[in-house]
Amino acid sequence: MLCAKTESAPVHMTTATPPKTSAARRPDAVTQFSVFTANRLGRLFDLTHMLNAHTVSILALTVVDSTDCAIIRCVVDDPDRARELMAASGFPFTESAVVVVEVDSPAELNAVMAALLEAEVNCNYLYSFIPHPRGKSIMAFSMEDNEVAETVLKRHQFQVLKQGDLSR
């Protein structure tokens, strides 16, 4: 059984040609993939192994599961290649932009949340990155309004990263 689609973007199926990035999306936004799969032993390995075998690094990862299905959300260093590989390998997925913020210390997460509250912008979910360049933590935020979130975070002197900051 496949998970029901929970993101607003269409699910990409393996028979379709991988879509081009929407003209409305800023090209430097960080791309998050939501991969829909059966909740069974080995599916997360299948995805990570396939990407790793083609030198696509997973930079951030979170998994939401239920009895029958799972949504694997990830940010990678080469979204174009990951898109091609997932489509060719039969992994249904959607794409969305996330706001990625660098923080200097664990206590700074509270300051990030305060800044977002000030802007009255809702955080749908968040997760951290695996690598910590320059000794700083990196958080990915799914926001109801990415532009407002980015603006307020920059105003509060937080370093907001773009895809180019994460890609090879």
Protein backbone atom coordinates (compact mmCIF):
# COMPACT_ATOMS: atom_id res chain seq x y z
CA MET A 1 0.00 0.00 0.00
CA LEU A 2 1.26 3.46 -0.87
CA CYS A 3 0.89 6.46 1.44
CA ALA A 4 -1.71 9.03 0.60
CA LYS A 5 -0.19 12.19 -0.82
CA THR A 6 0.07 14.84 1.91
CA GLU A 7 1.96 17.60 0.10
CA SER A 8 0.30 20.00 -2.31
CA ALA A 9 2.58 19.14 -5.24
CA PRO A 10 1.72 16.22 -7.55
CA VAL A 11 3.35 12.86 -6.97
CA HIS A 12 5.90 12.02 -9.66
CA MET A 13 5.45 8.53 -11.05
CA THR A 14 8.15 6.48 -12.72
CA THR A 15 6.52 6.52 -16.16
CA ALA A 16 6.53 10.31 -16.34
CA THR A 17 9.44 12.44 -17.45
CA PRO A 18 10.94 14.22 -14.43
CA PRO A 19 9.37 17.68 -14.23
CA LYS A 20 11.25 20.92 -14.64
CA THR A 21 11.38 23.36 -11.74
CA SER A 22 8.39 25.68 -11.70
CA ALA A 23 9.10 29.14 -13.10
CA ALA A 24 7.43 30.63 -10.02
CA ARG A 25 9.88 28.93 -7.64
CA ARG A 26 13.04 30.84 -6.85
CA PRO A 27 15.89 28.78 -8.31
CA ASP A 28 18.01 29.10 -5.19
CA ALA A 29 15.38 27.74 -2.79
CA VAL A 30 16.38 24.56 -0.95
CA THR A 31 14.52 21.56 -2.36
CA GLN A 32 13.01 18.95 -0.07
CA PHE A 33 11.88 15.63 -1.49
CA SER A 34 8.99 13.76 0.14
CA VAL A 35 9.26 10.12 -0.91
CA PHE A 36 6.18 7.93 -0.45
CA THR A 37 6.75 4.25 0.20
CA ALA A 38 5.36 1.19 1.87
CA ASN A 39 6.41 0.92 5.50
CA ARG A 40 8.44 -2.22 5.14
CA LEU A 41 11.91 -3.41 5.99
CA GLY A 42 14.58 -2.19 3.60
CA ARG A 43 12.81 0.68 1.80
CA LEU A 44 14.84 3.40 3.54
CA PHE A 45 18.00 1.44 2.74
CA ASP A 46 16.89 1.10 -0.89
CA LEU A 47 16.59 4.88 -1.19
CA THR A 48 19.82 5.77 0.64
CA HIS A 49 21.78 3.07 -1.19
CA MET A 50 20.51 4.17 -4.62
CA LEU A 51 21.42 7.82 -3.97
CA ASN A 52 24.79 6.94 -2.42
CA ALA A 53 25.67 4.65 -5.34
CA HIS A 54 25.29 7.66 -7.65
CA THR A 55 27.23 10.03 -5.34
CA VAL A 56 24.17 11.99 -4.22
CA SER A 57 24.60 12.84 -0.53
CA ILE A 58 21.65 13.06 1.83
CA LEU A 59 22.20 16.17 3.93
CA ALA A 60 19.01 16.06 6.02
CA LEU A 61 16.50 13.29 6.64
CA THR A 62 13.32 12.61 8.56
CA VAL A 63 10.85 9.74 8.34
CA VAL A 64 7.18 9.83 9.25
CA ASP A 65 5.56 6.43 9.40
CA SER A 66 2.24 4.75 10.00
CA THR A 67 1.28 1.10 10.00
CA ASP A 68 1.24 0.74 6.21
CA CYS A 69 3.24 3.60 4.75
CA ALA A 70 6.07 6.04 5.30
CA ILE A 71 7.05 9.48 4.05
CA ILE A 72 10.79 9.96 3.80
CA ARG A 73 11.64 13.66 3.66
CA CYS A 74 15.15 14.60 2.64
CA VAL A 75 17.41 17.36 1.37
CA VAL A 76 20.28 16.33 -0.89
CA ASP A 77 23.35 18.00 -2.36
CA ASP A 78 22.26 17.38 -5.98
CA PRO A 79 18.47 17.72 -6.35
CA ASP A 80 18.50 17.43 -10.15
CA ARG A 81 20.30 14.09 -10.07
CA ALA A 82 18.20 12.82 -7.15
CA ARG A 83 15.01 13.68 -9.06
CA GLU A 84 16.20 11.67 -12.09
CA LEU A 85 17.29 8.71 -9.97
CA MET A 86 14.10 8.49 -7.91
CA ALA A 87 11.90 8.71 -11.00
CA ALA A 88 13.95 6.03 -12.78
CA SER A 89 13.95 3.78 -9.69
CA GLY A 90 10.22 3.91 -9.06
CA PHE A 91 10.12 6.06 -5.94
CA PRO A 92 6.98 8.26 -6.00
CA PHE A 93 7.84 11.70 -4.63
CA THR A 94 6.88 15.34 -4.39
CA GLU A 95 9.09 18.38 -4.08
CA SER A 96 8.71 21.48 -1.95
CA ALA A 97 10.87 24.36 -0.82
CA VAL A 98 12.07 24.53 2.78
CA VAL A 99 13.70 27.34 4.73
CA VAL A 100 17.16 26.30 5.94
CA VAL A 101 18.72 28.19 8.82
CA GLU A 102 22.15 27.98 10.41
CA VAL A 103 22.26 28.31 14.21
CA ASP A 104 25.30 28.76 16.44
CA SER A 105 24.04 26.89 19.50
CA PRO A 106 21.16 24.72 20.68
CA ALA A 107 19.79 27.67 22.66
CA GLU A 108 19.46 29.67 19.46
CA LEU A 109 16.58 27.44 18.30
CA ASN A 110 14.38 29.32 20.78
CA ALA A 111 15.41 32.63 19.18
CA VAL A 112 14.54 31.28 15.73
CA MET A 113 11.11 30.20 16.98
CA ALA A 114 10.57 33.60 18.62
CA ALA A 115 11.38 35.36 15.34
CA LEU A 116 8.89 33.17 13.46
CA LEU A 117 6.25 33.79 16.11
CA GLU A 118 6.83 37.53 15.77
CA ALA A 119 6.03 37.22 12.05
CA GLU A 120 2.98 35.06 12.89
CA VAL A 121 4.11 32.40 10.43
CA ASN A 122 3.34 28.77 11.22
CA CYS A 123 5.99 26.04 11.22
CA ASN A 124 4.56 22.80 9.80
CA TYR A 125 7.54 20.68 10.85
CA LEU A 126 11.32 20.89 11.16
CA TYR A 127 14.32 18.60 11.20
CA SER A 128 18.08 18.93 11.43
CA PHE A 129 20.83 18.31 8.92
CA ILE A 130 23.37 15.51 9.29
CA PRO A 131 26.56 17.48 8.44
CA HIS A 132 27.40 20.50 10.56
CA PRO A 133 29.70 22.69 8.47
CA ARG A 134 31.77 25.29 10.29
CA GLY A 135 30.66 23.69 13.58
CA LYS A 136 27.13 25.08 13.31
CA SER A 137 23.83 23.24 13.38
CA ILE A 138 21.50 23.53 10.41
CA MET A 139 17.71 23.22 10.60
CA ALA A 140 15.20 22.74 7.77
CA PHE A 141 11.76 24.31 8.30
CA SER A 142 8.59 23.63 6.35
CA MET A 143 6.72 26.91 6.69
CA GLU A 144 3.29 28.10 5.65
CA ASP A 145 5.01 31.13 4.05
CA ASN A 146 8.71 30.68 3.24
CA GLU A 147 9.25 34.27 2.07
CA VAL A 148 7.92 35.80 5.28
CA ALA A 149 9.94 33.33 7.34
CA GLU A 150 13.15 34.10 5.43
CA THR A 151 12.62 37.85 5.74
CA VAL A 152 12.07 37.79 9.49
CA LEU A 153 14.95 35.38 10.12
CA LYS A 154 17.34 37.56 8.13
CA ARG A 155 16.10 40.63 9.99
CA HIS A 156 17.01 38.84 13.22
CA GLN A 157 20.51 38.16 11.83
CA PHE A 158 20.08 34.42 11.21
CA GLN A 159 22.02 32.90 8.32
CA VAL A 160 19.45 31.52 5.83
CA LEU A 161 21.06 29.06 3.42
CA LYS A 162 20.19 28.42 -0.20
CA GLN A 163 20.56 25.31 -2.37
CA GLY A 164 23.87 26.65 -3.70
CA ASP A 165 25.22 26.73 -0.14
CA LEU A 166 24.44 23.01 0.19
CA SER A 167 25.24 21.64 -3.26
CA ARG A 168 28.56 20.45 -4.49
